[in-house]
């Protein structure tokens, strides 16, 4: 059996997955996976001190954009 190939966080980002993980899973929880571009390693996740990240293209609490 072949050993599975590993990819670093830079490759995960190049594939668009880091943005998707953050936007769909982490940001609603007030977290954000971060990475060191120079090494491709992640020291962990940033923790928001004021709740979830909200994007300008998402409806606000009143349902308006």
Foldseek 3Di string as FASTA:
>chain_A
DDDDDDDAQVVCVVVVNQVVCCVPPNQQAQKHFDADNVVSHTPGIDGHPPHGDDDPPAADPVRHD
